[in-house]
Amino acid sequence: MASRHQPNARLRDLVAEARCTYDALARAVRQVAAENGELLQTNKSAVSHWISGTRRPTGRMPSYLAGALSRLTGRTVTPRELGYEDEAAPPSGDDPVATAADLGRADVERHRYLAIAAFTTAGVAMPLSYDHEATSRLLQARSGDTLVGAEDVEVVRHITAAFSSADERLGGGHGLTTVTAYLADTAAPILRARFRTDHARRQAFGAVAELAYLAGGKHHDLGQEGAAQRYYQVGYQLACEADPHAHAAWMMRALAHQALSLKQPHHCVDLVEGALAIGLGHVDGQTEALLHITHARAYAAVDEKSAAARALLAAEDALLRDDRSQPSYSLVSGPAAGTVASHTARTLTDLADHPGTEIQHRAALTRWDPAKYKRVHALTHADLGDSLASQARADEAIAAWRTALDLMEGMTSDRTRKAISSIRPTLAIYQRRGVPGASELARLASESLL
């Protein structure tokens, strides 16, 4: 481990490998921190002190530093490789049931390791090396004597559905502690029970996996990306017990989707290809379309335009296949047609096709129930405004953004706050140009961020 008073040769060598200046590394650290909901003032002097050994990074900083160097070097760097313990890591273990309970309890009790958890690019690839069979043998060996019936599982599903619905209307901050307390104290312990049939066991694991996914989504909406990633990872592990094909593929998509939303496409193409490999032939057409559209986004993010176009077509083709009902774990995303349109728009944004982006955003708005999916409508109107602004249609952009702000009122959501913040620089330009409505909208945006 790096000493407090000795130079950190490991860090020095990695900076050399990355061929970056101290200032560039400091900027990358600030970017990683911002993606995890923390604004830092890290500068080149801090980097110099870490390398000289006169200071040590504390709290989340080792994870931020490792994440920044992972991006700059193009390979996975861990805090341990830098000579630091990863304070953001939860207690290690190979039991996802215990991990789910620990995460939920850490949320309720505000434990340090979850509070300082950072999103990592290495964490995106976790499913690619996961040994499901070994974990399954362990879990079955640890089953208890209590018998759990279908009613217990239905209650878990009912609570997940209720809080998912509230999440769309009020934002991820609504009910987070309630959801995670229920996961820790009631839902996860169910999985230690005895079941009458293997089908009943798989249903229970599937229900708790969906609850873990909801907890991850809540953290993601709040900008707490490290915590979200850990819930998605344990959700994937639980889904493997429920259905190692379709449900597991969906949770692989969740991990890739989070990384793409953070503009960190590392491992995403491989991850979604892995999801398709295990899921095709086992998923319905709607869920398959959602896998393909995530594949398209992953390709677009790494500038593989032809591959992205093929994946877009595959998503559209899958939507037309009505071969079986859509499962609850993918229905949580809402109507598949709306999600495909929305993510087609994001794919086209990465490909700089702004007219195509506009068409898809408008299509998405017609496919989502505005009352049931209020947050989706708000974010889509914000994205539509961005597309219109990119086409120099200022008046229409302002109208779309105004609708977005109206819908966002009362939500506890970091995603909506970021969307509002992102329009302010363009509004400032519009104000200088005297575009009608720009000053009023800028005022409303400022007030909504207070």
Protein backbone atom coordinates (compact mmCIF):
# COMPACT_ATOMS: atom_id res chain seq x y z
CA MET A 1 0.00 0.00 0.00
CA ALA A 2 1.22 3.53 -0.78
CA SER A 3 2.77 5.18 2.25
CA ARG A 4 1.72 8.59 3.50
CA HIS A 5 5.32 9.81 3.27
CA GLN A 6 6.68 7.93 0.27
CA PRO A 7 6.05 8.67 -3.42
CA ASN A 8 3.29 6.64 -5.00
CA ALA A 9 5.20 4.99 -7.83
CA ARG A 10 2.13 3.07 -8.99
CA LEU A 11 0.14 6.24 -9.51
CA ARG A 12 3.10 7.97 -11.14
CA ASP A 13 3.54 5.10 -13.62
CA LEU A 14 -0.15 5.03 -14.49
CA VAL A 15 -0.16 8.76 -15.19
CA ALA A 16 2.81 8.16 -17.50
CA GLU A 17 0.97 5.25 -19.16
CA ALA A 18 -2.05 7.49 -19.73
CA ARG A 19 0.21 10.17 -21.24
CA CYS A 20 -1.76 12.88 -19.52
CA THR A 21 -0.84 15.96 -17.56
CA TYR A 22 -1.71 16.37 -13.91
CA ASP A 23 -4.27 18.96 -14.96
CA ALA A 24 -5.90 16.54 -17.42
CA LEU A 25 -6.10 13.85 -14.74
CA ALA A 26 -7.65 16.32 -12.30
CA ARG A 27 -10.31 17.22 -14.91
CA ALA A 28 -11.09 13.54 -15.46
CA VAL A 29 -11.43 13.00 -11.70
CA ARG A 30 -13.85 15.93 -11.46
CA GLN A 31 -15.89 14.46 -14.33
CA VAL A 32 -16.16 11.03 -12.68
CA ALA A 33 -17.13 12.68 -9.39
CA ALA A 34 -19.80 14.79 -11.10
CA GLU A 35 -21.31 11.67 -12.66
CA ASN A 36 -21.59 10.28 -9.14
CA GLY A 37 -23.36 13.37 -7.83
CA GLU A 38 -20.38 15.14 -6.23
CA LEU A 39 -18.87 18.45 -7.35
CA LEU A 40 -15.16 18.65 -6.56
CA GLN A 41 -12.44 21.26 -6.98
CA THR A 42 -9.66 18.73 -7.56
CA ASN A 43 -6.71 20.34 -9.34
CA LYS A 44 -3.23 19.45 -10.55
CA SER A 45 -1.76 20.30 -7.13
CA ALA A 46 -3.84 17.54 -5.54
CA VAL A 47 -2.56 15.06 -8.12
CA SER A 48 1.00 16.16 -7.39
CA HIS A 49 0.50 15.63 -3.67
CA TRP A 50 -0.92 12.13 -4.23
CA ILE A 51 2.04 11.16 -6.37
CA SER A 52 4.57 12.62 -3.95
CA GLY A 53 2.87 10.83 -1.07
CA THR A 54 2.41 13.98 0.99
CA ARG A 55 -1.36 13.45 0.88
CA ARG A 56 -3.70 10.54 0.31
CA PRO A 57 -7.06 10.62 -1.45
CA THR A 58 -9.88 9.93 1.00
CA GLY A 59 -13.54 8.98 0.87
CA ARG A 60 -14.72 8.27 -2.66
CA MET A 61 -11.60 9.79 -4.18
CA PRO A 62 -9.66 6.51 -4.71
CA SER A 63 -12.58 5.20 -6.75
CA TYR A 64 -12.88 8.46 -8.71
CA LEU A 65 -9.14 8.43 -9.37
CA ALA A 66 -9.22 4.80 -10.52
CA GLY A 67 -12.21 5.53 -12.73
CA ALA A 68 -10.50 8.52 -14.31
CA LEU A 69 -7.34 6.53 -15.04
CA SER A 70 -9.43 3.67 -16.47
CA ARG A 71 -10.80 6.08 -19.03
CA LEU A 72 -7.47 7.69 -19.80
CA THR A 73 -5.56 4.42 -20.18
CA GLY A 74 -8.34 2.49 -21.89
CA ARG A 75 -8.14 -0.39 -19.41
CA THR A 76 -9.56 -1.16 -15.99
CA VAL A 77 -7.66 0.41 -13.09
CA THR A 78 -8.67 -0.34 -9.49
CA PRO A 79 -7.97 1.59 -6.28
CA ARG A 80 -5.94 -1.39 -5.07
CA GLU A 81 -3.69 -1.13 -8.14
CA LEU A 82 -2.99 2.46 -7.10
CA GLY A 83 -2.04 1.32 -3.63
CA TYR A 84 -5.30 2.36 -1.98
CA GLU A 85 -8.00 0.29 -0.36
CA ASP A 86 -11.37 0.73 -2.06
CA GLU A 87 -13.39 2.38 0.67
CA ALA A 88 -16.39 2.44 -1.64
CA ALA A 89 -16.62 -1.33 -1.88
CA PRO A 90 -19.24 -3.14 0.17
CA PRO A 91 -18.25 -6.19 2.20
CA SER A 92 -17.16 -8.86 -0.24
CA GLY A 93 -19.15 -12.06 -0.56
CA ASP A 94 -20.47 -14.58 -3.01
CA ASP A 95 -24.03 -14.68 -1.65
CA PRO A 96 -26.34 -12.27 -3.53
CA VAL A 97 -29.15 -12.77 -1.01
CA ALA A 98 -26.90 -11.53 1.78
CA THR A 99 -25.63 -8.73 -0.45
CA ALA A 100 -29.17 -7.59 -1.27
CA ALA A 101 -30.01 -7.44 2.44
CA ASP A 102 -26.74 -5.63 3.21
CA LEU A 103 -27.38 -3.03 0.51
CA GLY A 104 -30.90 -2.36 1.70
CA ARG A 105 -29.78 -2.08 5.31
CA ALA A 106 -26.90 0.20 4.32
CA ASP A 107 -29.37 2.51 2.60
CA VAL A 108 -31.63 2.68 5.62
CA GLU A 109 -28.80 3.12 8.09
CA ARG A 110 -26.78 5.34 5.74
CA HIS A 111 -23.63 3.23 6.01
CA ARG A 112 -20.46 4.75 4.67
CA TYR A 113 -19.54 2.19 2.03
CA LEU A 114 -22.78 2.71 0.09
CA ALA A 115 -22.82 6.46 0.63
CA ILE A 116 -19.38 6.84 -0.97
CA ALA A 117 -19.79 4.15 -3.63
CA ALA A 118 -18.66 5.24 -7.09
CA PHE A 119 -19.72 3.96 -10.48
CA THR A 120 -16.92 1.96 -12.10
CA THR A 121 -16.35 0.86 -15.66
CA ALA A 122 -15.09 -2.49 -14.37
CA GLY A 123 -18.43 -3.02 -12.64
CA VAL A 124 -20.26 -2.82 -15.98
CA ALA A 125 -18.55 -6.01 -17.13
CA MET A 126 -19.31 -8.03 -13.98
CA PRO A 127 -21.84 -10.38 -15.67
CA LEU A 128 -19.29 -11.40 -18.29
CA SER A 129 -17.22 -13.26 -15.71
CA TYR A 130 -19.95 -14.26 -13.25
CA ASP A 131 -20.11 -17.93 -12.23
CA HIS A 132 -23.84 -18.45 -11.88
CA GLU A 133 -23.71 -22.20 -11.32
CA ALA A 134 -21.34 -21.96 -8.36
CA THR A 135 -23.48 -19.29 -6.73
CA SER A 136 -26.64 -21.33 -7.35
CA ARG A 137 -25.16 -24.35 -5.58
CA LEU A 138 -24.25 -22.14 -2.62
CA LEU A 139 -27.72 -20.62 -2.40
CA GLN A 140 -29.51 -23.93 -2.54
CA ALA A 141 -27.25 -25.28 0.20
CA ARG A 142 -28.25 -22.38 2.45
CA SER A 143 -32.03 -22.79 2.16
CA GLY A 144 -33.94 -22.76 5.44
CA ASP A 145 -36.96 -24.64 6.79
CA THR A 146 -39.64 -21.94 6.56
CA LEU A 147 -42.10 -22.58 3.73
CA VAL A 148 -42.92 -19.59 1.52
CA GLY A 149 -46.02 -19.55 -0.64
CA ALA A 150 -47.17 -17.72 -3.74
CA GLU A 151 -48.92 -15.06 -1.64
CA ASP A 152 -45.61 -13.85 -0.20
CA VAL A 153 -44.16 -13.46 -3.68
CA GLU A 154 -47.25 -11.64 -4.93
CA VAL A 155 -46.90 -9.08 -2.13
CA VAL A 156 -43.32 -8.37 -3.22
CA ARG A 157 -44.51 -7.84 -6.78
CA HIS A 158 -47.38 -5.63 -5.63
CA ILE A 159 -45.07 -3.38 -3.58
CA THR A 160 -42.58 -3.17 -6.46
CA ALA A 161 -45.34 -2.19 -8.91
CA ALA A 162 -46.77 0.43 -6.54
CA PHE A 163 -43.44 2.14 -5.92
CA SER A 164 -42.47 1.90 -9.60
CA SER A 165 -45.62 3.80 -10.45
CA ALA A 166 -44.95 6.43 -7.78
CA ASP A 167 -41.37 6.69 -9.01
CA GLU A 168 -42.53 7.86 -12.45
CA ARG A 169 -44.75 10.55 -11.00
CA LEU A 170 -42.65 11.80 -8.07
CA GLY A 171 -39.06 10.86 -8.86
CA GLY A 172 -36.54 8.41 -7.45
CA GLY A 173 -36.29 10.14 -4.09
CA HIS A 174 -39.86 9.23 -3.21
CA GLY A 175 -40.00 6.12 -1.05
CA LEU A 176 -36.36 5.08 -1.43
CA THR A 177 -35.90 4.22 2.24
CA THR A 178 -39.18 2.33 2.33
CA VAL A 179 -38.23 0.24 -0.69
CA THR A 180 -34.73 -0.58 0.56
CA ALA A 181 -35.96 -1.38 4.08
CA TYR A 182 -38.51 -3.79 2.64
CA LEU A 183 -35.79 -5.38 0.49
CA ALA A 184 -33.51 -5.89 3.50
CA ASP A 185 -36.03 -6.95 6.13
CA THR A 186 -38.70 -8.83 4.20
CA ALA A 187 -38.01 -9.57 0.54
CA ALA A 188 -34.42 -10.85 0.68
CA PRO A 189 -35.08 -13.11 3.71
CA ILE A 190 -37.85 -14.83 1.73
CA LEU A 191 -35.14 -16.25 -0.52
CA ARG A 192 -33.70 -18.22 2.41
CA ALA A 193 -36.94 -20.16 2.72
CA ARG A 194 -38.05 -23.53 1.42
CA PHE A 195 -40.29 -23.68 -1.66
CA ARG A 196 -42.72 -26.37 -2.76
CA THR A 197 -41.43 -26.41 -6.33
CA ASP A 198 -38.50 -25.11 -8.30
CA HIS A 199 -40.93 -22.90 -10.21
CA ALA A 200 -42.01 -21.24 -6.94
CA ARG A 201 -38.36 -20.67 -6.03
CA ARG A 202 -37.63 -19.07 -9.38
CA GLN A 203 -40.68 -16.84 -9.07
CA ALA A 204 -39.47 -15.60 -5.67
CA PHE A 205 -35.97 -14.81 -6.93
CA GLY A 206 -37.45 -13.04 -9.92
CA ALA A 207 -39.68 -10.85 -7.75
CA VAL A 208 -36.81 -9.81 -5.46
CA ALA A 209 -34.59 -9.16 -8.49
CA GLU A 210 -37.23 -6.73 -9.76
CA LEU A 211 -37.27 -5.00 -6.38
CA ALA A 212 -33.48 -4.66 -6.45
CA TYR A 213 -33.76 -3.23 -9.97
CA LEU A 214 -36.25 -0.66 -8.69
CA ALA A 215 -33.86 0.35 -5.88
CA GLY A 216 -31.08 0.71 -8.43
CA GLY A 217 -33.30 2.81 -10.66
CA LYS A 218 -34.16 5.10 -7.78
CA HIS A 219 -30.50 5.70 -7.02
CA HIS A 220 -29.83 6.27 -10.72
CA ASP A 221 -32.58 8.89 -10.85
CA LEU A 222 -31.00 10.62 -7.86
CA GLY A 223 -27.55 10.65 -9.50
CA GLN A 224 -26.13 8.16 -6.99
CA GLU A 225 -24.55 6.01 -9.65
CA GLY A 226 -22.26 3.86 -7.52
CA ALA A 227 -25.15 2.69 -5.35
CA ALA A 228 -27.31 2.14 -8.42
CA GLN A 229 -24.66 -0.04 -10.03
CA ARG A 230 -24.40 -2.25 -6.95
CA TYR A 231 -28.16 -2.80 -6.87
CA TYR A 232 -28.14 -3.62 -10.59
CA GLN A 233 -25.33 -6.11 -10.05
CA VAL A 234 -27.13 -7.95 -7.25
CA GLY A 235 -30.33 -7.75 -9.28
CA TYR A 236 -28.50 -9.53 -12.08
CA GLN A 237 -27.27 -12.24 -9.70
CA LEU A 238 -30.78 -12.81 -8.34
CA ALA A 239 -32.22 -12.82 -11.86
CA CYS A 240 -29.82 -15.62 -12.78
CA GLU A 241 -31.52 -17.76 -10.14
CA ALA A 242 -34.95 -16.87 -11.50
CA ASP A 243 -34.19 -17.24 -15.19
CA PRO A 244 -30.55 -17.42 -16.41
CA HIS A 245 -31.69 -16.58 -19.93
CA ALA A 246 -34.39 -13.93 -20.32
CA HIS A 247 -34.38 -12.19 -16.93
CA ALA A 248 -30.58 -12.32 -16.62
CA ALA A 249 -30.29 -10.80 -20.11
CA TRP A 250 -32.59 -7.96 -19.02
CA MET A 251 -30.42 -7.15 -16.02
CA MET A 252 -27.31 -7.15 -18.22
CA ARG A 253 -29.14 -4.55 -20.28
CA ALA A 254 -29.73 -2.50 -17.12
CA LEU A 255 -26.00 -2.32 -16.36
CA ALA A 256 -25.22 -1.34 -19.95
CA HIS A 257 -28.04 1.20 -20.02
CA GLN A 258 -26.70 2.95 -16.92
CA ALA A 259 -23.20 3.16 -18.41
CA LEU A 260 -24.54 4.55 -21.69
CA SER A 261 -26.55 7.20 -19.86
CA LEU A 262 -23.28 8.28 -18.21
CA LYS A 263 -21.55 8.31 -21.61
CA GLN A 264 -19.24 5.49 -20.53
CA PRO A 265 -19.57 2.89 -23.29
CA HIS A 266 -16.70 0.69 -22.07
CA HIS A 267 -17.80 -2.99 -22.13
CA CYS A 268 -21.34 -2.05 -23.26
CA VAL A 269 -21.18 -3.64 -26.71
CA ASP A 270 -19.80 -6.87 -25.23
CA LEU A 271 -22.34 -6.80 -22.42
CA VAL A 272 -25.37 -6.36 -24.68
CA GLU A 273 -24.04 -8.96 -27.11
CA GLY A 274 -23.80 -11.30 -24.13
CA ALA A 275 -27.38 -10.44 -23.18
CA LEU A 276 -28.59 -11.20 -26.70
CA ALA A 277 -26.62 -14.44 -26.77
CA ILE A 278 -28.35 -15.79 -23.67
CA GLY A 279 -31.70 -14.12 -24.27
CA LEU A 280 -32.58 -14.75 -27.91
CA GLY A 281 -35.06 -17.57 -28.20
CA HIS A 282 -36.11 -17.09 -24.57
CA VAL A 283 -37.57 -13.56 -24.63
CA ASP A 284 -40.73 -12.16 -26.17
CA GLY A 285 -40.58 -9.75 -29.10
CA GLN A 286 -41.07 -6.64 -26.96
CA THR A 287 -38.22 -7.49 -24.60
CA GLU A 288 -36.02 -8.53 -27.51
CA ALA A 289 -36.62 -5.12 -29.09
CA LEU A 290 -35.42 -3.46 -25.90
CA LEU A 291 -32.22 -5.52 -25.98
CA HIS A 292 -31.60 -4.61 -29.63
CA ILE A 293 -32.19 -0.90 -29.06
CA THR A 294 -29.65 -0.90 -26.23
CA HIS A 295 -27.27 -2.67 -28.61
CA ALA A 296 -27.83 0.14 -31.11
CA ARG A 297 -27.04 2.77 -28.49
CA ALA A 298 -23.87 0.94 -27.49
CA TYR A 299 -22.68 0.80 -31.10
CA ALA A 300 -23.51 4.46 -31.70
CA ALA A 301 -21.61 5.45 -28.56
CA VAL A 302 -18.42 3.93 -29.99
CA ASP A 303 -19.12 5.35 -33.47
CA GLU A 304 -19.93 2.01 -35.11
CA LYS A 305 -22.56 3.56 -37.36
CA SER A 306 -23.32 0.59 -39.64
CA ALA A 307 -23.69 -1.78 -36.70
CA ALA A 308 -25.93 0.73 -34.91
CA ALA A 309 -28.17 0.94 -37.98
CA ARG A 310 -28.48 -2.86 -38.13
CA ALA A 311 -29.39 -3.00 -34.46
CA LEU A 312 -32.06 -0.31 -34.96
CA LEU A 313 -33.65 -2.40 -37.70
CA ALA A 314 -33.50 -5.50 -35.50
CA ALA A 315 -35.34 -3.63 -32.76
CA GLU A 316 -38.10 -2.56 -35.15
CA ASP A 317 -38.44 -6.11 -36.49
CA ALA A 318 -38.66 -7.57 -32.98
CA LEU A 319 -41.44 -5.12 -32.06
CA LEU A 320 -43.58 -6.63 -34.82
CA ARG A 321 -43.31 -10.11 -33.32
CA ASP A 322 -46.23 -10.78 -31.01
CA ASP A 323 -45.34 -14.30 -29.90
CA ARG A 324 -45.79 -14.20 -26.13
CA SER A 325 -46.68 -11.85 -23.29
CA GLN A 326 -44.14 -9.37 -21.98
CA PRO A 327 -42.85 -10.20 -18.47
CA SER A 328 -43.17 -7.81 -15.55
CA TYR A 329 -39.44 -7.18 -15.31
CA SER A 330 -39.33 -5.51 -18.74
CA LEU A 331 -42.83 -4.02 -18.53
CA VAL A 332 -41.49 -1.79 -15.75
CA SER A 333 -39.87 0.30 -18.50
CA GLY A 334 -43.29 1.03 -19.95
CA PRO A 335 -44.59 0.36 -23.47
CA ALA A 336 -41.77 -1.17 -25.49
CA ALA A 337 -42.70 0.85 -28.58
CA GLY A 338 -42.22 4.09 -26.63
CA THR A 339 -38.91 2.98 -25.18
CA VAL A 340 -37.64 1.90 -28.60
CA ALA A 341 -38.60 5.26 -30.09
CA SER A 342 -36.98 7.13 -27.22
CA HIS A 343 -33.73 5.20 -27.43
CA THR A 344 -33.72 5.36 -31.21
CA ALA A 345 -33.74 9.13 -30.73
CA ARG A 346 -30.76 8.91 -28.39
CA THR A 347 -28.94 6.68 -30.87
CA LEU A 348 -29.57 9.18 -33.67
CA THR A 349 -28.36 11.99 -31.40
CA ASP A 350 -25.03 10.20 -31.06
CA LEU A 351 -24.99 9.88 -34.86
CA ALA A 352 -25.74 13.64 -35.21
CA ASP A 353 -29.03 13.03 -37.04
CA HIS A 354 -31.05 15.83 -35.42
CA PRO A 355 -34.11 15.70 -37.73
CA GLY A 356 -34.34 11.95 -37.16
CA THR A 357 -33.95 12.50 -33.43
CA GLU A 358 -36.87 14.93 -33.44
CA ILE A 359 -39.12 12.48 -35.30
CA GLN A 360 -38.38 9.70 -32.81
CA HIS A 361 -38.89 11.89 -29.74
CA ARG A 362 -42.28 12.97 -31.07
CA ALA A 363 -43.15 9.34 -31.75
CA ALA A 364 -42.16 8.40 -28.21
CA LEU A 365 -44.46 11.07 -26.76
CA THR A 366 -47.45 9.53 -28.53
CA ARG A 367 -46.66 6.08 -27.12
CA TRP A 368 -46.41 6.97 -23.43
CA ASP A 369 -49.36 7.67 -21.15
CA PRO A 370 -48.56 11.23 -19.96
CA ALA A 371 -50.21 10.71 -16.57
CA LYS A 372 -48.69 7.32 -15.82
CA TYR A 373 -45.24 8.18 -17.21
CA LYS A 374 -44.93 11.80 -16.23
CA ARG A 375 -41.15 11.77 -15.73
CA VAL A 376 -40.59 10.11 -19.11
CA HIS A 377 -42.69 12.79 -20.78
CA ALA A 378 -40.78 15.52 -18.97
CA LEU A 379 -37.36 14.19 -19.98
CA THR A 380 -38.52 13.51 -23.54
CA HIS A 381 -39.79 17.08 -23.92
CA ALA A 382 -36.43 18.30 -22.64
CA ASP A 383 -34.60 16.12 -25.18
CA LEU A 384 -36.97 17.24 -27.93
CA GLY A 385 -36.12 20.84 -27.10
CA ASP A 386 -32.42 20.03 -27.42
CA SER A 387 -33.05 18.51 -30.86
CA LEU A 388 -35.00 21.55 -31.98
CA ALA A 389 -32.30 23.89 -30.70
CA SER A 390 -29.72 21.90 -32.70
CA GLN A 391 -31.82 22.66 -35.79
CA ALA A 392 -31.87 26.43 -35.00
CA ARG A 393 -35.60 26.38 -34.18
CA ALA A 394 -35.41 28.49 -31.05
CA ASP A 395 -39.11 29.26 -30.58
CA GLU A 396 -40.08 25.58 -30.76
CA ALA A 397 -37.23 24.61 -28.46
CA ILE A 398 -38.41 27.08 -25.83
CA ALA A 399 -41.95 25.70 -26.05
CA ALA A 400 -40.72 22.12 -25.57
CA TRP A 401 -38.52 23.10 -22.63
CA ARG A 402 -41.37 25.02 -21.00
CA THR A 403 -43.54 21.91 -21.16
CA ALA A 404 -40.71 19.89 -19.64
CA LEU A 405 -40.34 22.31 -16.72
CA ASP A 406 -44.07 22.23 -16.03
CA LEU A 407 -44.02 18.42 -15.89
CA MET A 408 -40.94 18.32 -13.67
CA GLU A 409 -42.52 20.40 -10.91
CA GLY A 410 -42.54 18.55 -7.58
CA MET A 411 -40.23 15.71 -8.66
CA THR A 412 -37.31 14.56 -6.51
CA SER A 413 -35.04 13.61 -9.38
CA ASP A 414 -31.44 14.43 -10.22
CA ARG A 415 -32.10 13.55 -13.86
CA THR A 416 -34.71 16.28 -14.17
CA ARG A 417 -32.40 18.78 -12.44
CA LYS A 418 -29.60 17.92 -14.85
CA ALA A 419 -31.96 18.33 -17.79
CA ILE A 420 -32.92 21.79 -16.53
CA SER A 421 -29.30 22.77 -15.95
CA SER A 422 -28.31 21.63 -19.43
CA ILE A 423 -30.66 24.05 -21.19
CA ARG A 424 -29.46 27.15 -19.34
CA PRO A 425 -26.38 27.89 -21.53
CA THR A 426 -28.53 27.84 -24.67
CA LEU A 427 -31.16 29.98 -22.97
CA ALA A 428 -28.47 32.53 -22.14
CA ILE A 429 -27.61 32.75 -25.84
CA TYR A 430 -31.29 33.11 -26.72
CA GLN A 431 -31.65 35.89 -24.16
CA ARG A 432 -28.79 37.85 -25.73
CA ARG A 433 -30.46 37.42 -29.11
CA GLY A 434 -33.79 38.60 -27.75
CA VAL A 435 -35.65 35.37 -28.53
CA PRO A 436 -39.22 35.72 -27.17
CA GLY A 437 -39.84 33.71 -24.03
CA ALA A 438 -36.16 32.99 -23.33
CA SER A 439 -35.85 35.34 -20.34
CA GLU A 440 -39.01 34.03 -18.69
CA LEU A 441 -37.96 30.42 -19.18
CA ALA A 442 -34.48 31.16 -17.83
CA ARG A 443 -36.07 32.64 -14.72
CA LEU A 444 -38.29 29.59 -14.23
CA ALA A 445 -35.33 27.27 -14.72
CA SER A 446 -33.32 29.10 -12.09
CA GLU A 447 -36.19 29.00 -9.61
CA SER A 448 -36.75 25.29 -10.15
CA LEU A 449 -33.13 24.55 -9.22
CA LEU A 450 -33.31 26.39 -5.89
